[in-house]
């Protein structure tokens, strides 16, 4: 009995300590994405460039000549596909898109992942509820994305081709907007 009581006391102290550390970590506003801290005082490109999970996205943004635009004042909401999302595209797709002659198509795909304005997950969930389960949002490219609830605390994004992406990390605040991390590359018509 004494051993159990000692273990419970140790567990309570550890839980308190861990909770305090997590509170201090979250109080500075950082979120870890791809092994790197995302700082709210840095812009979308500065933070994404530090994420090991977004090297393909950053290379694509550079190839499309969008660094200056996405580093701009904003505010923007960027739906950021991971490297794994790009790897799930058909073989050769990424290499083909990165070719200079495909810059217009690459730009269309990338700007399809950007919304004008800063939309937190709470904003998106509110729009979905107001839309009776579905919210359409226009992207910078002019295309549409549809957001839907998948459970109480999960939102999915459906593109114009019918592909569905899960948002795996929400509300990564930036100086010029917010990033939500996706597990699928969205495709416009």
N, C-alpha and C. Protein backbone atom coordinates (compact mmCIF):
# COMPACT_ATOMS: atom_id res chain seq x y z
N UNK A 1 0.82 -1.19 0.00
CA UNK A 1 0.00 0.00 0.00
C UNK A 1 0.87 1.25 0.00
N UNK A 2 1.95 1.21 0.81
CA UNK A 2 2.85 2.35 0.88
C UNK A 2 3.52 2.59 -0.47
N UNK A 3 3.86 1.50 -1.18
CA UNK A 3 4.48 1.61 -2.50
C UNK A 3 3.53 2.28 -3.48
N UNK A 4 2.27 1.89 -3.46
CA UNK A 4 1.27 2.47 -4.36
C UNK A 4 1.11 3.96 -4.05
N UNK A 5 1.06 4.29 -2.76
CA UNK A 5 0.92 5.69 -2.36
C UNK A 5 2.13 6.50 -2.82
N UNK A 6 3.32 5.94 -2.68
CA UNK A 6 4.54 6.62 -3.13
C UNK A 6 4.53 6.82 -4.64
N UNK A 7 4.07 5.80 -5.36
CA UNK A 7 4.01 5.90 -6.83
C UNK A 7 3.01 6.96 -7.25
N UNK A 8 1.85 7.00 -6.58
CA UNK A 8 0.84 8.01 -6.91
C UNK A 8 1.36 9.41 -6.63
N UNK A 9 2.07 9.58 -5.52
CA UNK A 9 2.65 10.88 -5.19
C UNK A 9 3.66 11.29 -6.25
N UNK A 10 4.52 10.36 -6.63
CA UNK A 10 5.52 10.64 -7.67
C UNK A 10 4.85 10.99 -8.99
N UNK A 11 3.79 10.26 -9.32
CA UNK A 11 3.05 10.53 -10.55
C UNK A 11 2.44 11.93 -10.52
N UNK A 12 1.85 12.31 -9.38
CA UNK A 12 1.23 13.63 -9.25
C UNK A 12 2.26 14.74 -9.40
N UNK A 13 3.43 14.57 -8.77
CA UNK A 13 4.50 15.56 -8.89
C UNK A 13 4.97 15.65 -10.34
N UNK A 14 5.17 14.51 -10.98
CA UNK A 14 5.60 14.50 -12.38
C UNK A 14 4.56 15.16 -13.28
N UNK A 15 3.30 14.86 -13.06
CA UNK A 15 2.23 15.45 -13.87
C UNK A 15 2.20 16.96 -13.70
N UNK A 16 2.38 17.43 -12.45
CA UNK A 16 2.40 18.86 -12.21
C UNK A 16 3.58 19.50 -12.94
N UNK A 17 4.77 18.87 -12.83
CA UNK A 17 5.96 19.41 -13.47
C UNK A 17 5.79 19.46 -14.98
N UNK A 18 5.31 18.38 -15.58
CA UNK A 18 5.11 18.33 -17.03
C UNK A 18 4.09 19.37 -17.45
N UNK A 19 3.02 19.49 -16.71
CA UNK A 19 2.00 20.49 -17.02
C UNK A 19 2.56 21.90 -16.98
N UNK A 20 3.41 22.18 -15.99
CA UNK A 20 4.03 23.49 -15.87
C UNK A 20 4.96 23.76 -17.04
N UNK A 21 5.76 22.77 -17.43
CA UNK A 21 6.67 22.94 -18.56
C UNK A 21 5.87 23.17 -19.84
N UNK A 22 4.82 22.39 -20.07
CA UNK A 22 4.00 22.58 -21.26
C UNK A 22 3.35 23.95 -21.27
N UNK A 23 2.89 24.43 -20.14
CA UNK A 23 2.26 25.74 -20.07
C UNK A 23 3.28 26.82 -20.42
N UNK A 24 4.52 26.69 -19.93
CA UNK A 24 5.55 27.67 -20.26
C UNK A 24 5.87 27.61 -21.75
N UNK A 25 5.94 26.43 -22.29
CA UNK A 25 6.25 26.29 -23.71
C UNK A 25 5.16 26.93 -24.56
N UNK A 26 3.90 26.66 -24.25
CA UNK A 26 2.82 27.20 -25.06
C UNK A 26 2.62 28.69 -24.82
N UNK A 27 3.05 29.20 -23.66
CA UNK A 27 2.87 30.61 -23.37
C UNK A 27 3.69 31.50 -24.30
N UNK A 28 4.79 31.00 -24.84
CA UNK A 28 5.58 31.83 -25.75
C UNK A 28 5.03 31.82 -27.17
N UNK A 29 3.95 31.06 -27.40
CA UNK A 29 3.28 31.09 -28.69
C UNK A 29 3.86 30.18 -29.75
N UNK A 30 4.86 29.39 -29.41
CA UNK A 30 5.46 28.54 -30.42
C UNK A 30 4.76 27.19 -30.50
N UNK A 31 4.80 26.65 -31.70
CA UNK A 31 4.32 25.30 -31.98
C UNK A 31 5.44 24.62 -32.73
N UNK A 32 5.66 23.34 -32.49
CA UNK A 32 6.70 22.62 -33.21
C UNK A 32 6.10 21.93 -34.42
N UNK A 33 6.70 22.18 -35.58
CA UNK A 33 6.27 21.57 -36.84
C UNK A 33 7.53 21.07 -37.55
N UNK A 34 7.53 19.81 -37.92
CA UNK A 34 8.70 19.26 -38.62
C UNK A 34 9.98 19.39 -37.83
N UNK A 35 9.88 19.29 -36.50
CA UNK A 35 11.05 19.35 -35.64
C UNK A 35 11.56 20.75 -35.37
N UNK A 36 10.87 21.77 -35.84
CA UNK A 36 11.33 23.15 -35.64
C UNK A 36 10.25 23.98 -34.95
N UNK A 37 10.70 24.86 -34.08
CA UNK A 37 9.76 25.78 -33.44
C UNK A 37 9.28 26.79 -34.47
N UNK A 38 7.98 27.05 -34.46
CA UNK A 38 7.38 28.06 -35.33
C UNK A 38 7.12 29.29 -34.47
N UNK A 39 7.77 30.39 -34.80
CA UNK A 39 7.67 31.59 -33.99
C UNK A 39 6.64 32.56 -34.55
N UNK A 40 5.69 33.00 -33.72
CA UNK A 40 4.63 33.89 -34.20
C UNK A 40 5.13 35.24 -34.72
N UNK A 41 6.35 35.62 -34.37
CA UNK A 41 6.90 36.90 -34.85
C UNK A 41 7.59 36.75 -36.21
N UNK A 42 7.72 35.52 -36.68
CA UNK A 42 8.31 35.28 -38.00
C UNK A 42 7.19 35.08 -39.01
N UNK A 43 7.49 35.33 -40.30
CA UNK A 43 6.45 35.16 -41.31
C UNK A 43 6.36 33.71 -41.78
N UNK A 44 5.38 33.46 -42.60
CA UNK A 44 5.08 32.09 -43.06
C UNK A 44 6.28 31.43 -43.71
N UNK A 45 6.96 32.14 -44.60
CA UNK A 45 8.11 31.55 -45.31
C UNK A 45 9.27 31.32 -44.36
N UNK A 46 9.55 32.28 -43.47
CA UNK A 46 10.65 32.11 -42.52
C UNK A 46 10.44 30.86 -41.66
N UNK A 47 9.24 30.68 -41.16
CA UNK A 47 8.96 29.51 -40.32
C UNK A 47 8.94 28.22 -41.13
N UNK A 48 8.26 28.21 -42.27
CA UNK A 48 8.18 26.99 -43.08
C UNK A 48 9.57 26.53 -43.53
N UNK A 49 10.46 27.48 -43.77
CA UNK A 49 11.83 27.14 -44.19
C UNK A 49 12.58 26.36 -43.12
N UNK A 50 12.18 26.49 -41.88
CA UNK A 50 12.83 25.77 -40.78
C UNK A 50 12.24 24.39 -40.52
N UNK A 51 11.09 24.10 -41.12
CA UNK A 51 10.41 22.82 -40.88
C UNK A 51 10.96 21.73 -41.79
N UNK A 52 11.48 20.67 -41.21
CA UNK A 52 11.98 19.54 -42.00
C UNK A 52 10.84 18.82 -42.72
N UNK A 53 9.61 19.02 -42.28
CA UNK A 53 8.45 18.38 -42.90
C UNK A 53 7.91 19.16 -44.10
N UNK A 54 8.50 20.34 -44.39
CA UNK A 54 7.98 21.18 -45.47
C UNK A 54 9.04 21.61 -46.47
N UNK A 55 10.10 20.84 -46.63
CA UNK A 55 11.16 21.21 -47.57
C UNK A 55 10.67 21.21 -49.01
N UNK A 56 9.79 20.28 -49.36
CA UNK A 56 9.25 20.23 -50.72
C UNK A 56 8.37 21.44 -50.98
N UNK A 57 7.54 21.80 -50.03
CA UNK A 57 6.67 22.97 -50.17
C UNK A 57 7.51 24.23 -50.36
N UNK A 58 8.53 24.40 -49.54
CA UNK A 58 9.39 25.59 -49.64
C UNK A 58 10.10 25.62 -50.99
N UNK A 59 10.60 24.47 -51.46
CA UNK A 59 11.25 24.41 -52.78
C UNK A 59 10.26 24.79 -53.88
N UNK A 60 9.03 24.34 -53.75
CA UNK A 60 8.00 24.66 -54.75
C UNK A 60 7.66 26.15 -54.73
N UNK A 61 7.55 26.73 -53.54
CA UNK A 61 7.26 28.17 -53.42
C UNK A 61 8.39 28.98 -54.07
N UNK A 62 9.63 28.56 -53.86
CA UNK A 62 10.77 29.24 -54.50
C UNK A 62 10.72 29.08 -56.00
N UNK A 63 10.46 27.87 -56.49
CA UNK A 63 10.40 27.62 -57.94
C UNK A 63 9.29 28.43 -58.61
N UNK A 64 8.21 28.66 -57.90
CA UNK A 64 7.08 29.42 -58.44
C UNK A 64 7.29 30.93 -58.32
N UNK A 65 8.33 31.34 -57.62
CA UNK A 65 8.59 32.77 -57.44
C UNK A 65 7.61 33.44 -56.48
N UNK A 66 7.11 32.68 -55.50
CA UNK A 66 6.10 33.19 -54.57
C UNK A 66 6.63 33.57 -53.19
N UNK A 67 7.95 33.50 -53.00
CA UNK A 67 8.51 33.77 -51.68
C UNK A 67 8.15 35.18 -51.20
N UNK A 68 8.36 36.17 -52.05
CA UNK A 68 8.09 37.56 -51.66
C UNK A 68 6.60 37.76 -51.35
N UNK A 69 5.74 37.19 -52.17
CA UNK A 69 4.30 37.33 -51.98
C UNK A 69 3.86 36.73 -50.65
N UNK A 70 4.26 35.49 -50.39
CA UNK A 70 3.81 34.80 -49.17
C UNK A 70 4.54 35.32 -47.93
N UNK A 71 5.65 36.02 -48.13
CA UNK A 71 6.34 36.67 -47.02
C UNK A 71 5.73 38.04 -46.74
N UNK A 72 4.83 38.49 -47.61
CA UNK A 72 4.23 39.81 -47.50
C UNK A 72 3.36 39.98 -46.27
N UNK A 73 2.77 41.17 -46.19
CA UNK A 73 1.99 41.57 -45.01
C UNK A 73 0.82 40.65 -44.70
N UNK A 74 0.14 40.18 -45.74
CA UNK A 74 -1.01 39.30 -45.51
C UNK A 74 -2.20 40.07 -44.98
N UNK A 75 -2.99 39.48 -44.14
CA UNK A 75 -2.81 38.15 -43.55
C UNK A 75 -3.25 37.04 -44.50
N UNK A 76 -2.59 35.90 -44.35
CA UNK A 76 -2.88 34.71 -45.15
C UNK A 76 -3.16 33.53 -44.23
N UNK A 77 -3.95 32.61 -44.74
CA UNK A 77 -4.09 31.29 -44.13
C UNK A 77 -3.50 30.33 -45.13
N UNK A 78 -2.43 29.65 -44.74
CA UNK A 78 -1.76 28.70 -45.63
C UNK A 78 -2.06 27.29 -45.16
N UNK A 79 -2.58 26.49 -46.08
CA UNK A 79 -2.83 25.07 -45.84
C UNK A 79 -1.60 24.36 -46.39
N UNK A 80 -0.69 23.98 -45.50
CA UNK A 80 0.65 23.55 -45.87
C UNK A 80 0.80 22.03 -45.93
N UNK A 81 0.86 21.46 -47.15
CA UNK A 81 1.08 20.01 -47.26
C UNK A 81 2.50 19.63 -46.83
N UNK A 82 2.62 18.50 -46.20
CA UNK A 82 3.92 18.00 -45.76
C UNK A 82 4.67 17.35 -46.93
N UNK A 83 5.94 17.04 -46.68
CA UNK A 83 6.72 16.30 -47.68
C UNK A 83 6.04 14.98 -48.02
N UNK A 84 5.50 14.30 -47.01
CA UNK A 84 4.81 13.02 -47.25
C UNK A 84 3.62 13.21 -48.18
N UNK A 85 2.92 14.34 -48.04
CA UNK A 85 1.78 14.61 -48.93
C UNK A 85 2.26 14.73 -50.38
N UNK A 86 3.38 15.41 -50.59
CA UNK A 86 3.92 15.53 -51.95
C UNK A 86 4.40 14.18 -52.46
N UNK A 87 4.99 13.36 -51.58
CA UNK A 87 5.47 12.04 -51.98
C UNK A 87 4.33 11.12 -52.38
N UNK A 88 3.14 11.39 -51.90
CA UNK A 88 1.98 10.56 -52.25
C UNK A 88 1.38 10.90 -53.61
N UNK A 89 1.87 11.95 -54.25
CA UNK A 89 1.43 12.26 -55.61
C UNK A 89 2.01 11.20 -56.55
N UNK A 90 1.43 11.03 -57.73
CA UNK A 90 1.98 10.05 -58.68
C UNK A 90 3.47 10.32 -58.97
N UNK A 91 4.21 9.24 -59.21
CA UNK A 91 5.65 9.34 -59.49
C UNK A 91 5.93 10.40 -60.55
N UNK A 92 6.93 11.23 -60.27
CA UNK A 92 7.37 12.23 -61.23
C UNK A 92 6.60 13.54 -61.19
N UNK A 93 5.50 13.60 -60.45
CA UNK A 93 4.66 14.81 -60.43
C UNK A 93 5.43 16.01 -59.89
N UNK A 94 6.07 15.86 -58.74
CA UNK A 94 6.77 16.99 -58.13
C UNK A 94 7.91 17.46 -59.03
N UNK A 95 8.72 16.54 -59.51
CA UNK A 95 9.83 16.91 -60.40
C UNK A 95 9.32 17.64 -61.63
N UNK A 96 8.21 17.18 -62.18
CA UNK A 96 7.63 17.82 -63.35
C UNK A 96 7.12 19.23 -63.03
N UNK A 97 6.46 19.38 -61.89
CA UNK A 97 5.94 20.69 -61.50
C UNK A 97 7.05 21.70 -61.24
N UNK A 98 8.20 21.24 -60.79
CA UNK A 98 9.30 22.15 -60.47
C UNK A 98 10.06 22.63 -61.71
N UNK A 99 9.74 22.11 -62.88
CA UNK A 99 10.38 22.55 -64.12
C UNK A 99 9.91 23.96 -64.46
N UNK A 100 10.83 24.81 -64.95
CA UNK A 100 10.46 26.20 -65.29
C UNK A 100 9.26 26.32 -66.22
N UNK A 101 9.12 25.41 -67.16
CA UNK A 101 8.00 25.49 -68.11
C UNK A 101 6.64 25.19 -67.46
N UNK A 102 6.64 24.70 -66.22
CA UNK A 102 5.39 24.40 -65.52
C UNK A 102 5.11 25.38 -64.37
N UNK A 103 5.79 26.53 -64.41
CA UNK A 103 5.66 27.52 -63.33
C UNK A 103 4.21 27.98 -63.14
N UNK A 104 3.47 28.20 -64.22
CA UNK A 104 2.08 28.68 -64.11
C UNK A 104 1.21 27.65 -63.38
N UNK A 105 1.35 26.37 -63.73
CA UNK A 105 0.57 25.32 -63.08
C UNK A 105 0.98 25.19 -61.61
N UNK A 106 2.28 25.23 -61.34
CA UNK A 106 2.77 25.15 -59.96
C UNK A 106 2.21 26.31 -59.13
N UNK A 107 2.23 27.51 -59.70
CA UNK A 107 1.69 28.68 -59.02
C UNK A 107 0.21 28.50 -58.71
N UNK A 108 -0.54 27.97 -59.67
CA UNK A 108 -1.97 27.74 -59.47
C UNK A 108 -2.21 26.75 -58.32
N UNK A 109 -1.43 25.68 -58.29
CA UNK A 109 -1.58 24.67 -57.23
C UNK A 109 -1.22 25.26 -55.86
N UNK A 110 -0.11 25.99 -55.80
CA UNK A 110 0.33 26.55 -54.52
C UNK A 110 -0.64 27.61 -54.00
N UNK A 111 -1.10 28.51 -54.88
CA UNK A 111 -2.03 29.55 -54.43
C UNK A 111 -3.41 28.99 -54.12
N UNK A 112 -3.67 27.77 -54.56
CA UNK A 112 -4.90 27.07 -54.20
C UNK A 112 -4.87 26.66 -52.72
N UNK A 113 -3.70 26.67 -52.12
CA UNK A 113 -3.52 26.32 -50.71
C UNK A 113 -3.51 27.56 -49.81
N UNK A 114 -3.84 28.72 -50.37
CA UNK A 114 -3.77 29.98 -49.62
C UNK A 114 -5.13 30.68 -49.63
N UNK A 115 -5.55 31.11 -48.45
CA UNK A 115 -6.77 31.89 -48.29
C UNK A 115 -6.37 33.31 -47.89
N UNK A 116 -7.05 34.31 -48.42
CA UNK A 116 -6.81 35.68 -47.99
C UNK A 116 -7.50 35.88 -46.65
N UNK A 117 -6.76 36.31 -45.66
CA UNK A 117 -7.28 36.49 -44.31
C UNK A 117 -6.72 35.44 -43.38
N UNK A 118 -6.84 35.69 -42.10
CA UNK A 118 -6.34 34.75 -41.08
C UNK A 118 -7.52 34.01 -40.49
N UNK A 119 -7.61 32.71 -40.79
CA UNK A 119 -8.70 31.87 -40.31
C UNK A 119 -8.17 30.83 -39.33
N UNK A 120 -8.47 31.03 -38.07
CA UNK A 120 -8.09 30.04 -37.07
C UNK A 120 -8.99 28.82 -37.24
N UNK A 121 -8.65 27.75 -36.56
CA UNK A 121 -9.49 26.56 -36.63
C UNK A 121 -10.87 26.86 -36.05
N UNK A 122 -10.93 27.71 -35.03
CA UNK A 122 -12.24 28.09 -34.46
C UNK A 122 -13.08 28.83 -35.50
N UNK A 123 -12.44 29.70 -36.30
CA UNK A 123 -13.16 30.42 -37.36
C UNK A 123 -13.71 29.45 -38.40
N UNK A 124 -12.89 28.48 -38.79
CA UNK A 124 -13.30 27.50 -39.80
C UNK A 124 -14.43 26.63 -39.25
N UNK A 125 -14.29 26.17 -38.01
CA UNK A 125 -15.33 25.33 -37.41
C UNK A 125 -16.65 26.10 -37.28
N UNK A 126 -16.57 27.37 -36.95
CA UNK A 126 -17.77 28.20 -36.86
C UNK A 126 -18.45 28.30 -38.23
N UNK A 127 -17.64 28.52 -39.28
CA UNK A 127 -18.19 28.61 -40.64
C UNK A 127 -18.85 27.29 -41.05
N UNK A 128 -18.23 26.17 -40.68
CA UNK A 128 -18.80 24.85 -40.99
C UNK A 128 -20.15 24.68 -40.28
N UNK A 129 -20.20 25.05 -39.02
CA UNK A 129 -21.46 24.94 -38.27
C UNK A 129 -22.54 25.84 -38.85
N UNK A 130 -22.15 27.07 -39.23
CA UNK A 130 -23.12 27.99 -39.83
C UNK A 130 -23.59 27.50 -41.20
N UNK A 131 -22.71 26.77 -41.89
CA UNK A 131 -23.05 26.20 -43.20
C UNK A 131 -23.72 24.84 -43.09
N UNK A 132 -24.15 24.49 -41.90
CA UNK A 132 -24.83 23.22 -41.64
C UNK A 132 -23.99 22.01 -42.06
N UNK A 133 -22.70 22.07 -41.70
CA UNK A 133 -21.82 20.93 -41.93
C UNK A 133 -20.80 21.10 -43.03
N UNK A 134 -20.85 22.24 -43.75
CA UNK A 134 -19.92 22.43 -44.86
C UNK A 134 -19.70 23.93 -45.07
N UNK A 135 -18.44 24.32 -45.25
CA UNK A 135 -18.13 25.72 -45.53
C UNK A 135 -17.23 25.80 -46.75
N UNK A 136 -17.64 26.54 -47.75
CA UNK A 136 -16.82 26.76 -48.93
C UNK A 136 -16.02 28.04 -48.77
N UNK A 137 -14.74 28.00 -49.14
CA UNK A 137 -13.90 29.19 -49.06
C UNK A 137 -13.13 29.33 -50.36
N UNK A 138 -13.06 30.57 -50.83
CA UNK A 138 -12.35 30.87 -52.07
C UNK A 138 -10.86 31.03 -51.78
N UNK A 139 -10.04 30.44 -52.62
CA UNK A 139 -8.60 30.51 -52.45
C UNK A 139 -8.03 31.68 -53.26
N UNK A 140 -6.77 31.99 -53.02
CA UNK A 140 -6.08 33.05 -53.75
C UNK A 140 -6.07 32.75 -55.25
N UNK A 141 -6.03 31.48 -55.63
CA UNK A 141 -6.01 31.11 -57.05
C UNK A 141 -7.38 31.30 -57.71
N UNK A 142 -8.41 31.53 -56.90
CA UNK A 142 -9.77 31.68 -57.43
C UNK A 142 -10.60 30.42 -57.32
N UNK A 143 -9.99 29.32 -56.93
CA UNK A 143 -10.71 28.06 -56.77
C UNK A 143 -11.43 28.00 -55.43
N UNK A 144 -12.15 26.92 -55.23
CA UNK A 144 -12.91 26.72 -53.99
C UNK A 144 -12.40 25.50 -53.23
N UNK A 145 -12.44 25.60 -51.92
CA UNK A 145 -12.17 24.49 -51.01
C UNK A 145 -13.37 24.35 -50.09
N UNK A 146 -13.67 23.12 -49.68
CA UNK A 146 -14.78 22.86 -48.78
C UNK A 146 -14.26 22.24 -47.50
N UNK A 147 -14.63 22.85 -46.40
CA UNK A 147 -14.24 22.39 -45.07
C UNK A 147 -15.43 21.70 -44.43
N UNK A 148 -15.17 20.55 -43.79
CA UNK A 148 -16.22 19.78 -43.12
C UNK A 148 -15.67 19.21 -41.82
N UNK A 149 -16.55 18.97 -40.89
CA UNK A 149 -16.15 18.36 -39.62
C UNK A 149 -16.02 16.85 -39.83
N UNK A 150 -15.02 16.28 -39.19
CA UNK A 150 -14.82 14.84 -39.16
C UNK A 150 -14.61 14.48 -37.70
N UNK A 151 -15.70 14.39 -36.97
CA UNK A 151 -15.62 14.23 -35.53
C UNK A 151 -15.75 15.60 -34.88
N UNK A 152 -15.66 15.61 -33.58
CA UNK A 152 -15.90 16.85 -32.84
C UNK A 152 -14.77 17.87 -32.98
N UNK A 153 -13.53 17.40 -33.12
CA UNK A 153 -12.39 18.31 -33.12
C UNK A 153 -11.50 18.16 -34.35
N UNK A 154 -12.00 17.62 -35.43
CA UNK A 154 -11.19 17.43 -36.62
C UNK A 154 -11.92 18.00 -37.83
N UNK A 155 -11.17 18.71 -38.65
CA UNK A 155 -11.73 19.30 -39.87
C UNK A 155 -11.01 18.71 -41.06
N UNK A 156 -11.77 18.40 -42.10
CA UNK A 156 -11.18 17.95 -43.36
C UNK A 156 -11.38 19.03 -44.41
N UNK A 157 -10.54 18.98 -45.43
CA UNK A 157 -10.62 19.92 -46.55
C UNK A 157 -10.78 19.09 -47.81
N UNK A 158 -11.77 19.44 -48.63
CA UNK A 158 -12.00 18.74 -49.90
C UNK A 158 -11.72 19.72 -51.03
N UNK A 159 -10.93 19.27 -52.01
CA UNK A 159 -10.60 20.13 -53.14
C UNK A 159 -11.59 19.94 -54.28
N UNK A 160 -11.38 20.66 -55.38
CA UNK A 160 -12.29 20.62 -56.52
C UNK A 160 -12.25 19.29 -57.27
N UNK A 161 -11.23 18.49 -57.01
CA UNK A 161 -11.11 17.18 -57.65
C UNK A 161 -11.70 16.07 -56.78
N UNK A 162 -12.17 16.43 -55.58
CA UNK A 162 -12.76 15.45 -54.67
C UNK A 162 -11.78 14.83 -53.70
N UNK A 163 -10.51 15.26 -53.73
CA UNK A 163 -9.51 14.76 -52.78
C UNK A 163 -9.80 15.34 -51.40
N UNK A 164 -9.64 14.51 -50.38
CA UNK A 164 -9.91 14.94 -49.01
C UNK A 164 -8.60 14.93 -48.23
N UNK A 165 -8.34 16.02 -47.52
CA UNK A 165 -7.14 16.14 -46.70
C UNK A 165 -7.54 16.37 -45.25
N UNK A 166 -6.77 15.79 -44.36
CA UNK A 166 -6.94 16.04 -42.93
C UNK A 166 -6.00 17.16 -42.51
N UNK A 167 -6.45 17.98 -41.60
CA UNK A 167 -5.57 18.99 -41.02
C UNK A 167 -4.95 18.35 -39.79
N UNK A 168 -3.63 18.14 -39.84
CA UNK A 168 -2.97 17.41 -38.76
C UNK A 168 -2.45 18.33 -37.65
N UNK A 169 -2.12 19.57 -38.00
CA UNK A 169 -1.68 20.55 -37.00
C UNK A 169 -2.43 21.84 -37.30
N UNK A 170 -3.06 22.39 -36.28
CA UNK A 170 -3.89 23.59 -36.42
C UNK A 170 -3.22 24.81 -35.81
N UNK A 171 -3.61 25.98 -36.32
CA UNK A 171 -3.32 27.26 -35.66
C UNK A 171 -1.85 27.51 -35.37
N UNK A 172 -1.01 27.37 -36.37
CA UNK A 172 0.40 27.71 -36.21
C UNK A 172 0.51 29.19 -36.59
N UNK A 173 0.44 30.05 -35.57
CA UNK A 173 0.40 31.49 -35.82
C UNK A 173 1.71 32.01 -36.39
N UNK A 174 1.57 32.97 -37.30
CA UNK A 174 2.69 33.60 -37.99
C UNK A 174 2.50 35.12 -37.89
N UNK A 175 3.54 35.89 -38.19
CA UNK A 175 3.40 37.34 -38.15
C UNK A 175 2.45 37.84 -39.24
N UNK A 176 2.31 37.06 -40.31
CA UNK A 176 1.45 37.48 -41.43
C UNK A 176 0.30 36.50 -41.69
N UNK A 177 -0.11 35.77 -40.67
CA UNK A 177 -1.24 34.86 -40.84
C UNK A 177 -1.14 33.63 -39.98
N UNK A 178 -1.58 32.51 -40.56
CA UNK A 178 -1.62 31.25 -39.82
C UNK A 178 -1.39 30.10 -40.80
N UNK A 179 -0.78 29.03 -40.30
CA UNK A 179 -0.58 27.81 -41.08
C UNK A 179 -1.40 26.70 -40.43
N UNK A 180 -2.05 25.89 -41.29
CA UNK A 180 -2.65 24.63 -40.87
C UNK A 180 -1.96 23.56 -41.72
N UNK A 181 -1.44 22.52 -41.11
CA UNK A 181 -0.66 21.49 -41.81
C UNK A 181 -1.60 20.42 -42.36
N UNK A 182 -1.39 20.07 -43.64
CA UNK A 182 -2.23 19.08 -44.34
C UNK A 182 -1.46 17.80 -44.62
N UNK A 183 -2.21 16.70 -44.78
CA UNK A 183 -1.61 15.41 -45.14
C UNK A 183 -1.79 15.07 -46.62
N UNK A 184 -2.36 15.98 -47.40
CA UNK A 184 -2.62 15.75 -48.82
C UNK A 184 -2.40 17.05 -49.59
N UNK A 185 -1.87 16.95 -50.80
CA UNK A 185 -1.77 18.12 -51.67
C UNK A 185 -3.13 18.33 -52.32
N UNK A 186 -3.66 19.53 -52.20
CA UNK A 186 -4.96 19.87 -52.78
C UNK A 186 -4.78 20.22 -54.25
N UNK A 187 -5.74 19.82 -55.09
CA UNK A 187 -5.64 20.07 -56.52
C UNK A 187 -6.84 20.84 -57.05
N UNK A 188 -6.58 21.96 -57.74
CA UNK A 188 -7.67 22.71 -58.36
C UNK A 188 -8.10 22.05 -59.66
N UNK A 189 -9.25 22.48 -60.19
CA UNK A 189 -9.70 21.97 -61.50
C UNK A 189 -8.81 22.50 -62.58
